[in-house]
């Protein structure tokens, strides 16, 4: 990943956590900002997130969950690595529009 401005594309999902960290997703990847949008860290296909529409973002106890049209992407180490869960892994559909984490 690299630090840059928010990827130039239409933002399709936004999440703001209790520490005021901004998370934004679009067709080119997943982005986060810890300084209220002045700079962004992007995660994209070089990090294991394939291009596709991001519909939902949920962050829970350092775990990142991203719902896309290519399945569910999850990071269990604050974004250092990503796993994809899709029909191959047993989801009924690759389209994940909402995520609820308890």
PDB file of N, CA and C in Angstrom:
ATOM      1  N   UNK A   1       0.842  -1.192   0.000  1.00  0.00           N
ATOM      2  CA  UNK A   1       0.000   0.000   0.000  1.00  0.00           C
ATOM      3  C   UNK A   1       0.876   1.240   0.000  1.00  0.00           C
ATOM      4  N   UNK A   2       0.288   2.361  -0.308  1.00  0.00           N
ATOM      5  CA  UNK A   2       1.046   3.597  -0.350  1.00  0.00           C
ATOM      6  C   UNK A   2       0.196   4.721   0.206  1.00  0.00           C
ATOM      7  N   UNK A   3       0.851   5.767   0.660  1.00  0.00           N
ATOM      8  CA  UNK A   3       0.142   6.934   1.161  1.00  0.00           C
ATOM      9  C   UNK A   3      -0.081   7.887  -0.002  1.00  0.00           C
ATOM     10  N   UNK A   4      -1.285   8.362  -0.146  1.00  0.00           N
ATOM     11  CA  UNK A   4      -1.605   9.283  -1.228  1.00  0.00           C
ATOM     12  C   UNK A   4      -2.926   9.976  -0.920  1.00  0.00           C
ATOM     13  N   UNK A   5      -3.429  10.683  -1.891  1.00  0.00           N
ATOM     14  CA  UNK A   5      -4.776  11.232  -1.768  1.00  0.00           C
ATOM     15  C   UNK A   5      -5.774  10.125  -2.034  1.00  0.00           C
ATOM     16  N   UNK A   6      -7.030  10.394  -1.693  1.00  0.00           N
ATOM     17  CA  UNK A   6      -8.085   9.426  -1.958  1.00  0.00           C
ATOM     18  C   UNK A   6      -8.080   9.084  -3.439  1.00  0.00           C
ATOM     19  N   UNK A   7      -8.167   7.800  -3.755  1.00  0.00           N
ATOM     20  CA  UNK A   7      -8.166   7.381  -5.151  1.00  0.00           C
ATOM     21  C   UNK A   7      -9.206   8.162  -5.950  1.00  0.00           C
ATOM     22  N   UNK A   8      -8.841   8.557  -7.150  1.00  0.00           N
ATOM     23  CA  UNK A   8      -9.731   9.379  -7.966  1.00  0.00           C
ATOM     24  C   UNK A   8     -10.792   8.505  -8.610  1.00  0.00           C
ATOM     25  N   UNK A   9     -11.879   8.348  -7.930  1.00  0.00           N
ATOM     26  CA  UNK A   9     -12.996   7.569  -8.429  1.00  0.00           C
ATOM     27  C   UNK A   9     -14.175   7.840  -7.517  1.00  0.00           C
ATOM     28  N   UNK A  10     -15.352   7.510  -7.957  1.00  0.00           N
ATOM     29  CA  UNK A  10     -16.546   7.722  -7.148  1.00  0.00           C
ATOM     30  C   UNK A  10     -16.504   6.862  -5.894  1.00  0.00           C
ATOM     31  N   UNK A  11     -16.693   7.478  -4.751  1.00  0.00           N
ATOM     32  CA  UNK A  11     -16.701   6.753  -3.489  1.00  0.00           C
ATOM     33  C   UNK A  11     -18.040   6.051  -3.326  1.00  0.00           C
ATOM     34  N   UNK A  12     -17.999   4.753  -3.033  1.00  0.00           N
ATOM     35  CA  UNK A  12     -19.237   3.970  -2.937  1.00  0.00           C
ATOM     36  C   UNK A  12     -19.558   3.525  -1.516  1.00  0.00           C
ATOM     37  N   UNK A  13     -18.604   3.626  -0.588  1.00  0.00           N
ATOM     38  CA  UNK A  13     -18.853   3.237   0.800  1.00  0.00           C
ATOM     39  C   UNK A  13     -17.950   4.056   1.718  1.00  0.00           C
ATOM     40  N   UNK A  14     -18.503   4.441   2.874  1.00  0.00           N
ATOM     41  CA  UNK A  14     -17.749   5.227   3.851  1.00  0.00           C
ATOM     42  C   UNK A  14     -18.023   4.678   5.240  1.00  0.00           C
ATOM     43  N   UNK A  15     -16.986   4.666   6.086  1.00  0.00           N
ATOM     44  CA  UNK A  15     -17.128   4.254   7.484  1.00  0.00           C
ATOM     45  C   UNK A  15     -16.203   5.154   8.306  1.00  0.00           C
ATOM     46  N   UNK A  16     -16.680   5.649   9.442  1.00  0.00           N
ATOM     47  CA  UNK A  16     -15.867   6.447  10.352  1.00  0.00           C
ATOM     48  C   UNK A  16     -15.941   5.778  11.713  1.00  0.00           C
ATOM     49  N   UNK A  17     -14.783   5.443  12.280  1.00  0.00           N
ATOM     50  CA  UNK A  17     -14.778   4.732  13.554  1.00  0.00           C
ATOM     51  C   UNK A  17     -14.735   5.696  14.750  1.00  0.00           C
ATOM     52  N   UNK A  18     -14.715   5.117  15.937  1.00  0.00           N
ATOM     53  CA  UNK A  18     -14.765   5.916  17.164  1.00  0.00           C
ATOM     54  C   UNK A  18     -13.512   6.763  17.374  1.00  0.00           C
ATOM     55  N   UNK A  19     -12.409   6.449  16.675  1.00  0.00           N
ATOM     56  CA  UNK A  19     -11.175   7.241  16.763  1.00  0.00           C
ATOM     57  C   UNK A  19     -11.115   8.297  15.663  1.00  0.00           C
ATOM     58  N   UNK A  20     -12.211   8.462  14.930  1.00  0.00           N
ATOM     59  CA  UNK A  20     -12.327   9.412  13.831  1.00  0.00           C
ATOM     60  C   UNK A  20     -11.424   9.059  12.650  1.00  0.00           C
ATOM     61  N   UNK A  21     -11.142   7.770  12.487  1.00  0.00           N
ATOM     62  CA  UNK A  21     -10.447   7.300  11.296  1.00  0.00           C
ATOM     63  C   UNK A  21     -11.481   7.149  10.189  1.00  0.00           C
ATOM     64  N   UNK A  22     -11.183   7.680   9.018  1.00  0.00           N
ATOM     65  CA  UNK A  22     -12.087   7.602   7.874  1.00  0.00           C
ATOM     66  C   UNK A  22     -11.682   6.410   7.017  1.00  0.00           C
ATOM     67  N   UNK A  23     -12.669   5.676   6.559  1.00  0.00           N
ATOM     68  CA  UNK A  23     -12.470   4.563   5.633  1.00  0.00           C
ATOM     69  C   UNK A  23     -13.367   4.831   4.428  1.00  0.00           C
ATOM     70  N   UNK A  24     -12.852   4.676   3.226  1.00  0.00           N
ATOM     71  CA  UNK A  24     -13.637   4.919   2.021  1.00  0.00           C
ATOM     72  C   UNK A  24     -13.303   3.855   0.984  1.00  0.00           C
ATOM     73  N   UNK A  25     -14.313   3.454   0.236  1.00  0.00           N
ATOM     74  CA  UNK A  25     -14.114   2.453  -0.796  1.00  0.00           C
ATOM     75  C   UNK A  25     -14.665   2.919  -2.121  1.00  0.00           C
ATOM     76  N   UNK A  26     -14.024   2.472  -3.180  1.00  0.00           N
ATOM     77  CA  UNK A  26     -14.509   2.729  -4.533  1.00  0.00           C
ATOM     78  C   UNK A  26     -14.066   1.577  -5.427  1.00  0.00           C
ATOM     79  N   UNK A  27     -14.296   1.706  -6.714  1.00  0.00           N
ATOM     80  CA  UNK A  27     -14.009   0.597  -7.630  1.00  0.00           C
ATOM     81  C   UNK A  27     -12.525   0.268  -7.732  1.00  0.00           C
ATOM     82  N   UNK A  28     -11.651   1.159  -7.293  1.00  0.00           N
ATOM     83  CA  UNK A  28     -10.219   0.922  -7.397  1.00  0.00           C
ATOM     84  C   UNK A  28      -9.576   0.463  -6.104  1.00  0.00           C
ATOM     85  N   UNK A  29     -10.319   0.457  -5.017  1.00  0.00           N
ATOM     86  CA  UNK A  29      -9.729  -0.018  -3.770  1.00  0.00           C
ATOM     87  C   UNK A  29     -10.364   0.533  -2.515  1.00  0.00           C
ATOM     88  N   UNK A  30      -9.664   0.317  -1.425  1.00  0.00           N
ATOM     89  CA  UNK A  30     -10.078   0.662  -0.075  1.00  0.00           C
ATOM     90  C   UNK A  30      -9.046   1.650   0.473  1.00  0.00           C
ATOM     91  N   UNK A  31      -9.513   2.691   1.138  1.00  0.00           N
ATOM     92  CA  UNK A  31      -8.632   3.756   1.596  1.00  0.00           C
ATOM     93  C   UNK A  31      -8.918   4.092   3.045  1.00  0.00           C
ATOM     94  N   UNK A  32      -7.891   4.519   3.779  1.00  0.00           N
ATOM     95  CA  UNK A  32      -8.135   4.995   5.139  1.00  0.00           C
ATOM     96  C   UNK A  32      -7.308   6.233   5.419  1.00  0.00           C
ATOM     97  N   UNK A  33      -7.875   7.097   6.265  1.00  0.00           N
ATOM     98  CA  UNK A  33      -7.212   8.336   6.649  1.00  0.00           C
ATOM     99  C   UNK A  33      -7.313   8.493   8.156  1.00  0.00           C
ATOM    100  N   UNK A  34      -6.177   8.734   8.788  1.00  0.00           N
ATOM    101  CA  UNK A  34      -6.146   8.961  10.230  1.00  0.00           C
ATOM    102  C   UNK A  34      -6.030  10.446  10.566  1.00  0.00           C
ATOM    103  N   UNK A  35      -6.047  11.308   9.536  1.00  0.00           N
ATOM    104  CA  UNK A  35      -5.918  12.746   9.755  1.00  0.00           C
ATOM    105  C   UNK A  35      -7.049  13.530   9.095  1.00  0.00           C
ATOM    106  N   UNK A  36      -8.248  12.993   9.192  1.00  0.00           N
ATOM    107  CA  UNK A  36      -9.472  13.625   8.698  1.00  0.00           C
ATOM    108  C   UNK A  36      -9.423  13.953   7.208  1.00  0.00           C
ATOM    109  N   UNK A  37      -8.803  13.073   6.433  1.00  0.00           N
ATOM    110  CA  UNK A  37      -8.835  13.185   4.986  1.00  0.00           C
ATOM    111  C   UNK A  37      -7.692  13.955   4.348  1.00  0.00           C
ATOM    112  N   UNK A  38      -6.734  14.454   5.128  1.00  0.00           N
ATOM    113  CA  UNK A  38      -5.613  15.175   4.524  1.00  0.00           C
ATOM    114  C   UNK A  38      -4.692  14.237   3.756  1.00  0.00           C
ATOM    115  N   UNK A  39      -4.516  13.032   4.244  1.00  0.00           N
ATOM    116  CA  UNK A  39      -3.734  12.030   3.522  1.00  0.00           C
ATOM    117  C   UNK A  39      -4.440  10.690   3.655  1.00  0.00           C
ATOM    118  N   UNK A  40      -4.179   9.815   2.703  1.00  0.00           N
ATOM    119  CA  UNK A  40      -4.872   8.523   2.639  1.00  0.00           C
ATOM    120  C   UNK A  40      -3.871   7.401   2.427  1.00  0.00           C
ATOM    121  N   UNK A  41      -4.149   6.269   3.028  1.00  0.00           N
ATOM    122  CA  UNK A  41      -3.428   5.033   2.743  1.00  0.00           C
ATOM    123  C   UNK A  41      -4.362   4.195   1.891  1.00  0.00           C
ATOM    124  N   UNK A  42      -3.884   3.747   0.745  1.00  0.00           N
ATOM    125  CA  UNK A  42      -4.758   2.969  -0.135  1.00  0.00           C
ATOM    126  C   UNK A  42      -4.351   1.501  -0.123  1.00  0.00           C
ATOM    127  N   UNK A  43      -5.343   0.677  -0.260  1.00  0.00           N
ATOM    128  CA  UNK A  43      -5.171  -0.766  -0.419  1.00  0.00           C
ATOM    129  C   UNK A  43      -5.887  -1.123  -1.714  1.00  0.00           C
ATOM    130  N   UNK A  44      -5.211  -1.848  -2.583  1.00  0.00           N
ATOM    131  CA  UNK A  44      -5.815  -2.188  -3.860  1.00  0.00           C
ATOM    132  C   UNK A  44      -5.369  -3.580  -4.287  1.00  0.00           C
ATOM    133  N   UNK A  45      -5.395  -3.860  -5.580  1.00  0.00           N
ATOM    134  CA  UNK A  45      -5.091  -5.218  -6.043  1.00  0.00           C
ATOM    135  C   UNK A  45      -3.657  -5.630  -5.726  1.00  0.00           C
ATOM    136  N   UNK A  46      -2.741  -4.682  -5.563  1.00  0.00           N
ATOM    137  CA  UNK A  46      -1.385  -5.058  -5.172  1.00  0.00           C
ATOM    138  C   UNK A  46      -1.344  -5.587  -3.738  1.00  0.00           C
ATOM    139  N   UNK A  47      -2.378  -5.272  -2.950  1.00  0.00           N
ATOM    140  CA  UNK A  47      -2.485  -5.752  -1.569  1.00  0.00           C
ATOM    141  C   UNK A  47      -3.414  -6.954  -1.444  1.00  0.00           C
ATOM    142  N   UNK A  48      -4.036  -7.344  -2.557  1.00  0.00           N
ATOM    143  CA  UNK A  48      -4.926  -8.502  -2.534  1.00  0.00           C
ATOM    144  C   UNK A  48      -6.401  -8.180  -2.642  1.00  0.00           C
ATOM    145  N   UNK A  49      -6.755  -6.917  -2.882  1.00  0.00           N
ATOM    146  CA  UNK A  49      -8.164  -6.527  -3.065  1.00  0.00           C
ATOM    147  C   UNK A  49      -8.381  -6.275  -4.550  1.00  0.00           C
ATOM    148  N   UNK A  50      -9.100  -7.165  -5.201  1.00  0.00           N
ATOM    149  CA  UNK A  50      -9.350  -7.032  -6.635  1.00  0.00           C
ATOM    150  C   UNK A  50     -10.268  -5.845  -6.918  1.00  0.00           C
ATOM    151  N   UNK A  51     -10.106  -5.254  -8.111  1.00  0.00           N
ATOM    152  CA  UNK A  51     -10.982  -4.163  -8.519  1.00  0.00           C
ATOM    153  C   UNK A  51     -12.423  -4.659  -8.546  1.00  0.00           C
ATOM    154  N   UNK A  52     -13.326  -3.846  -8.073  1.00  0.00           N
ATOM    155  CA  UNK A  52     -14.749  -4.136  -8.052  1.00  0.00           C
ATOM    156  C   UNK A  52     -15.423  -3.128  -7.139  1.00  0.00           C
ATOM    157  N   UNK A  53     -16.719  -3.047  -7.218  1.00  0.00           N
ATOM    158  CA  UNK A  53     -17.448  -2.086  -6.404  1.00  0.00           C
ATOM    159  C   UNK A  53     -17.435  -2.494  -4.940  1.00  0.00           C
ATOM    160  N   UNK A  54     -17.081  -1.559  -4.071  1.00  0.00           N
ATOM    161  CA  UNK A  54     -17.159  -1.771  -2.628  1.00  0.00           C
ATOM    162  C   UNK A  54     -18.491  -1.214  -2.157  1.00  0.00           C
ATOM    163  N   UNK A  55     -19.325  -2.087  -1.553  1.00  0.00           N
ATOM    164  CA  UNK A  55     -20.651  -1.688  -1.106  1.00  0.00           C
ATOM    165  C   UNK A  55     -20.717  -1.350   0.375  1.00  0.00           C
ATOM    166  N   UNK A  56     -19.892  -1.982   1.178  1.00  0.00           N
ATOM    167  CA  UNK A  56     -19.974  -1.757   2.614  1.00  0.00           C
ATOM    168  C   UNK A  56     -18.600  -1.960   3.247  1.00  0.00           C
ATOM    169  N   UNK A  57     -18.369  -1.229   4.325  1.00  0.00           N
ATOM    170  CA  UNK A  57     -17.138  -1.335   5.098  1.00  0.00           C
ATOM    171  C   UNK A  57     -17.535  -1.471   6.559  1.00  0.00           C
ATOM    172  N   UNK A  58     -16.905  -2.393   7.261  1.00  0.00           N
ATOM    173  CA  UNK A  58     -17.130  -2.521   8.693  1.00  0.00           C
ATOM    174  C   UNK A  58     -15.791  -2.815   9.352  1.00  0.00           C
ATOM    175  N   UNK A  59     -15.508  -2.109  10.409  1.00  0.00           N
ATOM    176  CA  UNK A  59     -14.256  -2.273  11.142  1.00  0.00           C
ATOM    177  C   UNK A  59     -14.631  -2.677  12.561  1.00  0.00           C
ATOM    178  N   UNK A  60     -13.993  -3.729  13.071  1.00  0.00           N
ATOM    179  CA  UNK A  60     -14.318  -4.197  14.417  1.00  0.00           C
ATOM    180  C   UNK A  60     -13.053  -4.728  15.083  1.00  0.00           C
ATOM    181  N   UNK A  61     -12.631  -4.085  16.141  1.00  0.00           N
ATOM    182  CA  UNK A  61     -11.477  -4.506  16.938  1.00  0.00           C
ATOM    183  C   UNK A  61     -10.240  -4.787  16.084  1.00  0.00           C
ATOM    184  N   UNK A  62      -9.952  -3.879  15.155  1.00  0.00           N
ATOM    185  CA  UNK A  62      -8.774  -4.028  14.310  1.00  0.00           C
ATOM    186  C   UNK A  62      -8.956  -4.928  13.112  1.00  0.00           C
ATOM    187  N   UNK A  63     -10.130  -5.514  12.971  1.00  0.00           N
ATOM    188  CA  UNK A  63     -10.431  -6.349  11.806  1.00  0.00           C
ATOM    189  C   UNK A  63     -11.172  -5.499  10.788  1.00  0.00           C
ATOM    190  N   UNK A  64     -10.772  -5.584   9.518  1.00  0.00           N
ATOM    191  CA  UNK A  64     -11.397  -4.842   8.435  1.00  0.00           C
ATOM    192  C   UNK A  64     -12.230  -5.810   7.603  1.00  0.00           C
ATOM    193  N   UNK A  65     -13.469  -5.430   7.315  1.00  0.00           N
ATOM    194  CA  UNK A  65     -14.354  -6.224   6.473  1.00  0.00           C
ATOM    195  C   UNK A  65     -14.876  -5.327   5.353  1.00  0.00           C
ATOM    196  N   UNK A  66     -14.771  -5.813   4.109  1.00  0.00           N
ATOM    197  CA  UNK A  66     -15.204  -5.041   2.950  1.00  0.00           C
ATOM    198  C   UNK A  66     -16.133  -5.912   2.113  1.00  0.00           C
ATOM    199  N   UNK A  67     -17.359  -5.448   1.905  1.00  0.00           N
ATOM    200  CA  UNK A  67     -18.323  -6.145   1.060  1.00  0.00           C
ATOM    201  C   UNK A  67     -18.240  -5.621  -0.361  1.00  0.00           C
ATOM    202  N   UNK A  68     -18.038  -6.511  -1.325  1.00  0.00           N
ATOM    203  CA  UNK A  68     -17.856  -6.114  -2.721  1.00  0.00           C
ATOM    204  C   UNK A  68     -18.702  -6.986  -3.647  1.00  0.00           C
ATOM    205  N   UNK A  69     -18.601  -6.695  -4.927  1.00  0.00           N
ATOM    206  CA  UNK A  69     -19.246  -7.551  -5.923  1.00  0.00           C
ATOM    207  C   UNK A  69     -18.352  -8.734  -6.282  1.00  0.00           C
ATOM    208  N   UNK A  70     -17.250  -8.889  -5.572  1.00  0.00           N
ATOM    209  CA  UNK A  70     -16.355 -10.040  -5.750  1.00  0.00           C
ATOM    210  C   UNK A  70     -16.208 -10.833  -4.461  1.00  0.00           C
ATOM    211  N   UNK A  71     -17.162 -10.642  -3.555  1.00  0.00           N
ATOM    212  CA  UNK A  71     -17.152 -11.367  -2.297  1.00  0.00           C
ATOM    213  C   UNK A  71     -16.809 -10.471  -1.121  1.00  0.00           C
ATOM    214  N   UNK A  72     -16.455 -11.103  -0.024  1.00  0.00           N
ATOM    215  CA  UNK A  72     -16.081 -10.412   1.204  1.00  0.00           C
ATOM    216  C   UNK A  72     -14.564 -10.443   1.341  1.00  0.00           C
ATOM    217  N   UNK A  73     -13.967  -9.283   1.543  1.00  0.00           N
ATOM    218  CA  UNK A  73     -12.539  -9.194   1.829  1.00  0.00           C
ATOM    219  C   UNK A  73     -12.383  -8.910   3.309  1.00  0.00           C
ATOM    220  N   UNK A  74     -11.443  -9.579   3.945  1.00  0.00           N
ATOM    221  CA  UNK A  74     -11.213  -9.394   5.374  1.00  0.00           C
ATOM    222  C   UNK A  74      -9.723  -9.304   5.649  1.00  0.00           C
ATOM    223  N   UNK A  75      -9.378  -8.415   6.577  1.00  0.00           N
ATOM    224  CA  UNK A  75      -8.011  -8.321   7.076  1.00  0.00           C
ATOM    225  C   UNK A  75      -8.075  -8.476   8.586  1.00  0.00           C
ATOM    226  N   UNK A  76      -7.312  -9.406   9.100  1.00  0.00           N
ATOM    227  CA  UNK A  76      -7.296  -9.663  10.533  1.00  0.00           C
ATOM    228  C   UNK A  76      -6.025  -9.113  11.181  1.00  0.00           C
ATOM    229  N   UNK A  77      -5.280  -8.277  10.420  1.00  0.00           N
ATOM    230  CA  UNK A  77      -4.028  -7.710  10.929  1.00  0.00           C
ATOM    231  C   UNK A  77      -3.884  -6.233  10.538  1.00  0.00           C
ATOM    232  N   UNK A  78      -4.980  -5.483  10.657  1.00  0.00           N
ATOM    233  CA  UNK A  78      -4.985  -4.038  10.372  1.00  0.00           C
ATOM    234  C   UNK A  78      -4.573  -3.691   8.950  1.00  0.00           C
ATOM    235  N   UNK A  79      -4.933  -4.526   7.985  1.00  0.00           N
ATOM    236  CA  UNK A  79      -4.704  -4.223   6.580  1.00  0.00           C
ATOM    237  C   UNK A  79      -3.387  -4.701   5.997  1.00  0.00           C
ATOM    238  N   UNK A  80      -2.571  -5.389   6.778  1.00  0.00           N
ATOM    239  CA  UNK A  80      -1.293  -5.872   6.237  1.00  0.00           C
ATOM    240  C   UNK A  80      -1.489  -7.001   5.229  1.00  0.00           C
ATOM    241  N   UNK A  81      -2.499  -7.831   5.433  1.00  0.00           N
ATOM    242  CA  UNK A  81      -2.815  -8.890   4.472  1.00  0.00           C
ATOM    243  C   UNK A  81      -4.331  -9.029   4.377  1.00  0.00           C
ATOM    244  N   UNK A  82      -4.783  -9.555   3.259  1.00  0.00           N
ATOM    245  CA  UNK A  82      -6.217  -9.645   2.969  1.00  0.00           C
ATOM    246  C   UNK A  82      -6.580 -11.052   2.534  1.00  0.00           C
ATOM    247  N   UNK A  83      -7.773 -11.477   2.946  1.00  0.00           N
ATOM    248  CA  UNK A  83      -8.334 -12.749   2.490  1.00  0.00           C
ATOM    249  C   UNK A  83      -9.640 -12.461   1.778  1.00  0.00           C
ATOM    250  N   UNK A  84      -9.906 -13.218   0.718  1.00  0.00           N
ATOM    251  CA  UNK A  84     -11.157 -13.093  -0.016  1.00  0.00           C
ATOM    252  C   UNK A  84     -12.027 -14.311   0.255  1.00  0.00           C
ATOM    253  N   UNK A  85     -13.278 -14.051   0.582  1.00  0.00           N
ATOM    254  CA  UNK A  85     -14.270 -15.107   0.769  1.00  0.00           C
ATOM    255  C   UNK A  85     -15.334 -14.905  -0.304  1.00  0.00           C
ATOM    256  N   UNK A  86     -15.534 -15.921  -1.136  1.00  0.00           N
ATOM    257  CA  UNK A  86     -16.451 -15.815  -2.265  1.00  0.00           C
ATOM    258  C   UNK A  86     -17.235 -17.120  -2.397  1.00  0.00           C
ATOM    259  N   UNK A  87     -17.870 -17.294  -3.536  1.00  0.00           N
ATOM    260  CA  UNK A  87     -18.611 -18.535  -3.780  1.00  0.00           C
ATOM    261  C   UNK A  87     -17.706 -19.756  -3.653  1.00  0.00           C
ATOM    262  N   UNK A  88     -16.437 -19.598  -4.021  1.00  0.00           N
ATOM    263  CA  UNK A  88     -15.488 -20.712  -3.907  1.00  0.00           C
ATOM    264  C   UNK A  88     -15.361 -21.200  -2.468  1.00  0.00           C
ATOM    265  N   UNK A  89     -15.486 -20.262  -1.517  1.00  0.00           N
ATOM    266  CA  UNK A  89     -15.362 -20.606  -0.098  1.00  0.00           C
ATOM    267  C   UNK A  89     -16.711 -20.857   0.572  1.00  0.00           C
ATOM    268  N   UNK A  90     -17.784 -20.884  -0.221  1.00  0.00           N
ATOM    269  CA  UNK A  90     -19.081 -21.253   0.334  1.00  0.00           C
ATOM    270  C   UNK A  90     -20.126 -20.155   0.437  1.00  0.00           C
ATOM    271  N   UNK A  91     -19.798 -18.921   0.047  1.00  0.00           N
ATOM    272  CA  UNK A  91     -20.831 -17.889   0.045  1.00  0.00           C
ATOM    273  C   UNK A  91     -21.867 -18.218  -1.025  1.00  0.00           C
ATOM    274  N   UNK A  92     -23.095 -17.843  -0.779  1.00  0.00           N
ATOM    275  CA  UNK A  92     -24.149 -18.096  -1.782  1.00  0.00           C
ATOM    276  C   UNK A  92     -23.974 -17.239  -3.029  1.00  0.00           C
ATOM    277  N   UNK A  93     -23.372 -16.064  -2.847  1.00  0.00           N
ATOM    278  CA  UNK A  93     -23.187 -15.130  -3.948  1.00  0.00           C
ATOM    279  C   UNK A  93     -21.890 -14.361  -3.712  1.00  0.00           C
ATOM    280  N   UNK A  94     -21.293 -13.862  -4.778  1.00  0.00           N
ATOM    281  CA  UNK A  94     -20.138 -12.992  -4.630  1.00  0.00           C
ATOM    282  C   UNK A  94     -20.533 -11.564  -4.284  1.00  0.00           C
ATOM    283  N   UNK A  95     -21.812 -11.237  -4.391  1.00  0.00           N
ATOM    284  CA  UNK A  95     -22.303  -9.889  -4.118  1.00  0.00           C
ATOM    285  C   UNK A  95     -22.578  -9.740  -2.616  1.00  0.00           C
ATOM    286  N   UNK A  96     -21.753  -8.928  -1.942  1.00  0.00           N
ATOM    287  CA  UNK A  96     -21.910  -8.682  -0.496  1.00  0.00           C
ATOM    288  C   UNK A  96     -22.168  -7.194  -0.325  1.00  0.00           C
ATOM    289  N   UNK A  97     -23.433  -6.836  -0.042  1.00  0.00           N
ATOM    290  CA  UNK A  97     -23.809  -5.420   0.044  1.00  0.00           C
ATOM    291  C   UNK A  97     -23.854  -4.893   1.469  1.00  0.00           C
ATOM    292  N   UNK A  98     -24.008  -5.748   2.461  1.00  0.00           N
ATOM    293  CA  UNK A  98     -24.078  -5.307   3.859  1.00  0.00           C
ATOM    294  C   UNK A  98     -23.301  -6.259   4.731  1.00  0.00           C
ATOM    295  N   UNK A  99     -22.651  -5.706   5.760  1.00  0.00           N
ATOM    296  CA  UNK A  99     -21.881  -6.489   6.710  1.00  0.00           C
ATOM    297  C   UNK A  99     -22.312  -6.113   8.111  1.00  0.00           C
ATOM    298  N   UNK A 100     -22.617  -7.093   8.929  1.00  0.00           N
ATOM    299  CA  UNK A 100     -22.929  -6.871  10.335  1.00  0.00           C
ATOM    300  C   UNK A 100     -21.945  -7.667  11.166  1.00  0.00           C
ATOM    301  N   UNK A 101     -21.221  -6.975  12.029  1.00  0.00           N
ATOM    302  CA  UNK A 101     -20.240  -7.633  12.896  1.00  0.00           C
ATOM    303  C   UNK A 101     -20.659  -7.366  14.330  1.00  0.00           C
ATOM    304  N   UNK A 102     -20.719  -8.415  15.123  1.00  0.00           N
ATOM    305  CA  UNK A 102     -21.101  -8.250  16.540  1.00  0.00           C
ATOM    306  C   UNK A 102     -19.941  -8.575  17.426  1.00  0.00           C
TER     307      UNK A 102
END
